[in-house]
Amino acid sequence: MATHVSAAKRARQTVRKTLVNRARGSRVKTFIKNVETAIAAGDKKAAEAAFRAMQPELHRAAAKHVMHKNAVARKLSRLSARIKAI
């Protein structure tokens, strides 16, 4: 348990930020899953549309430090390559 006022405040902030970051991470995973589902179905137009919707969400996650920027770049690159291969 926090014994200082500042430590207690920091604990409260951490709880709030954890909830927000979990929601952001879950949202990113949903967008990625939508792209992968379209790729698995072999629907290039749907995959491209889902990819365009996913891009800003991944960049937002990187900007908010929910995901590392290199991980975002890697995911975008690999999914783009898979879409092009359809």
C-alpha atoms as a PDB file:
ATOM      1  CA  MET A   1       0.000   0.000   0.000  1.00  0.00           C
ATOM      2  CA  ALA A   2       1.224   3.485  -0.832  1.00  0.00           C
ATOM      3  CA  THR A   3       2.328   5.477   2.213  1.00  0.00           C
ATOM      4  CA  HIS A   4       2.860   8.857   0.526  1.00  0.00           C
ATOM      5  CA  VAL A   5       0.174  11.019  -1.030  1.00  0.00           C
ATOM      6  CA  SER A   6       2.132  11.212  -4.294  1.00  0.00           C
ATOM      7  CA  ALA A   7       2.551   7.417  -4.392  1.00  0.00           C
ATOM      8  CA  ALA A   8      -1.183   6.911  -3.847  1.00  0.00           C
ATOM      9  CA  LYS A   9      -1.954   9.360  -6.650  1.00  0.00           C
ATOM     10  CA  ARG A  10       0.483   7.580  -8.945  1.00  0.00           C
ATOM     11  CA  ALA A  11      -1.227   4.252  -8.149  1.00  0.00           C
ATOM     12  CA  ARG A  12      -4.630   5.736  -9.061  1.00  0.00           C
ATOM     13  CA  GLN A  13      -3.254   7.116 -12.326  1.00  0.00           C
ATOM     14  CA  THR A  14      -1.721   3.767 -13.187  1.00  0.00           C
ATOM     15  CA  VAL A  15      -5.058   2.000 -12.760  1.00  0.00           C
ATOM     16  CA  ARG A  16      -6.801   4.467 -15.100  1.00  0.00           C
ATOM     17  CA  LYS A  17      -4.058   4.384 -17.716  1.00  0.00           C
ATOM     18  CA  THR A  18      -3.930   0.577 -17.627  1.00  0.00           C
ATOM     19  CA  LEU A  19      -7.634   0.378 -18.463  1.00  0.00           C
ATOM     20  CA  VAL A  20      -7.277   2.839 -21.347  1.00  0.00           C
ATOM     21  CA  ASN A  21      -4.205   1.074 -22.743  1.00  0.00           C
ATOM     22  CA  ARG A  22      -5.872  -2.332 -22.537  1.00  0.00           C
ATOM     23  CA  ALA A  23      -8.840  -0.977 -24.478  1.00  0.00           C
ATOM     24  CA  ARG A  24      -6.513   0.479 -27.114  1.00  0.00           C
ATOM     25  CA  GLY A  25      -4.622  -2.797 -27.411  1.00  0.00           C
ATOM     26  CA  SER A  26      -7.839  -4.749 -27.771  1.00  0.00           C
ATOM     27  CA  ARG A  27      -9.049  -2.349 -30.464  1.00  0.00           C
ATOM     28  CA  VAL A  28      -5.787  -2.817 -32.397  1.00  0.00           C
ATOM     29  CA  LYS A  29      -6.080  -6.599 -32.192  1.00  0.00           C
ATOM     30  CA  THR A  30      -9.628  -6.398 -33.556  1.00  0.00           C
ATOM     31  CA  PHE A  31      -8.505  -4.361 -36.565  1.00  0.00           C
ATOM     32  CA  ILE A  32      -5.640  -6.798 -37.239  1.00  0.00           C
ATOM     33  CA  LYS A  33      -8.023  -9.749 -36.971  1.00  0.00           C
ATOM     34  CA  ASN A  34     -10.356  -8.132 -39.518  1.00  0.00           C
ATOM     35  CA  VAL A  35      -7.508  -7.875 -42.027  1.00  0.00           C
ATOM     36  CA  GLU A  36      -6.341 -11.444 -41.388  1.00  0.00           C
ATOM     37  CA  THR A  37      -9.887 -12.777 -41.783  1.00  0.00           C
ATOM     38  CA  ALA A  38     -10.242 -11.046 -45.148  1.00  0.00           C
ATOM     39  CA  ILE A  39      -6.847 -12.400 -46.253  1.00  0.00           C
ATOM     40  CA  ALA A  40      -7.830 -15.928 -45.205  1.00  0.00           C
ATOM     41  CA  ALA A  41     -11.046 -15.599 -47.195  1.00  0.00           C
ATOM     42  CA  GLY A  42      -9.033 -14.538 -50.233  1.00  0.00           C
ATOM     43  CA  ASP A  43     -11.027 -11.320 -50.659  1.00  0.00           C
ATOM     44  CA  LYS A  44      -8.465  -8.755 -51.798  1.00  0.00           C
ATOM     45  CA  LYS A  45     -10.845  -5.767 -51.865  1.00  0.00           C
ATOM     46  CA  ALA A  46     -12.110  -6.446 -48.340  1.00  0.00           C
ATOM     47  CA  ALA A  47      -8.552  -7.008 -47.128  1.00  0.00           C
ATOM     48  CA  GLU A  48      -7.410  -3.700 -48.630  1.00  0.00           C
ATOM     49  CA  ALA A  49     -10.351  -1.852 -47.076  1.00  0.00           C
ATOM     50  CA  ALA A  50      -9.691  -3.417 -43.673  1.00  0.00           C
ATOM     51  CA  PHE A  51      -5.976  -2.617 -44.039  1.00  0.00           C
ATOM     52  CA  ARG A  52      -6.734   1.049 -44.762  1.00  0.00           C
ATOM     53  CA  ALA A  53      -8.947   1.170 -41.650  1.00  0.00           C
ATOM     54  CA  MET A  54      -6.258  -0.565 -39.575  1.00  0.00           C
ATOM     55  CA  GLN A  55      -3.318   1.681 -40.516  1.00  0.00           C
ATOM     56  CA  PRO A  56      -4.270   4.814 -38.544  1.00  0.00           C
ATOM     57  CA  GLU A  57      -5.252   2.697 -35.556  1.00  0.00           C
ATOM     58  CA  LEU A  58      -1.820   1.041 -35.432  1.00  0.00           C
ATOM     59  CA  HIS A  59      -0.044   4.368 -35.848  1.00  0.00           C
ATOM     60  CA  ARG A  60      -2.156   5.783 -33.025  1.00  0.00           C
ATOM     61  CA  ALA A  61      -1.148   2.841 -30.817  1.00  0.00           C
ATOM     62  CA  ALA A  62       2.508   3.577 -31.559  1.00  0.00           C
ATOM     63  CA  ALA A  63       2.056   7.276 -30.811  1.00  0.00           C
ATOM     64  CA  LYS A  64       0.394   6.462 -27.480  1.00  0.00           C
ATOM     65  CA  HIS A  65       3.125   3.915 -26.612  1.00  0.00           C
ATOM     66  CA  VAL A  66       0.684   1.011 -26.500  1.00  0.00           C
ATOM     67  CA  MET A  67       2.788  -0.740 -29.147  1.00  0.00           C
ATOM     68  CA  HIS A  68       6.401  -0.187 -30.146  1.00  0.00           C
ATOM     69  CA  LYS A  69       6.801   1.725 -33.402  1.00  0.00           C
ATOM     70  CA  ASN A  70       8.958  -1.037 -34.918  1.00  0.00           C
ATOM     71  CA  ALA A  71       6.322  -3.656 -34.077  1.00  0.00           C
ATOM     72  CA  VAL A  72       3.718  -1.515 -35.827  1.00  0.00           C
ATOM     73  CA  ALA A  73       5.954  -1.122 -38.885  1.00  0.00           C
ATOM     74  CA  ARG A  74       6.596  -4.873 -38.971  1.00  0.00           C
ATOM     75  CA  LYS A  75       2.897  -5.754 -38.757  1.00  0.00           C
ATOM     76  CA  LEU A  76       1.966  -3.258 -41.469  1.00  0.00           C
ATOM     77  CA  SER A  77       4.712  -4.523 -43.754  1.00  0.00           C
ATOM     78  CA  ARG A  78       3.884  -8.193 -43.329  1.00  0.00           C
ATOM     79  CA  LEU A  79       0.132  -7.736 -43.724  1.00  0.00           C
ATOM     80  CA  SER A  80       0.680  -5.549 -46.791  1.00  0.00           C
ATOM     81  CA  ALA A  81       2.861  -8.234 -48.345  1.00  0.00           C
ATOM     82  CA  ARG A  82       0.222 -10.884 -47.642  1.00  0.00           C
ATOM     83  CA  ILE A  83      -2.472  -8.743 -49.269  1.00  0.00           C
ATOM     84  CA  LYS A  84      -0.320  -8.183 -52.353  1.00  0.00           C
ATOM     85  CA  ALA A  85       0.215 -11.952 -52.619  1.00  0.00           C
ATOM     86  CA  ILE A  86      -3.526 -12.623 -52.994  1.00  0.00           C
END
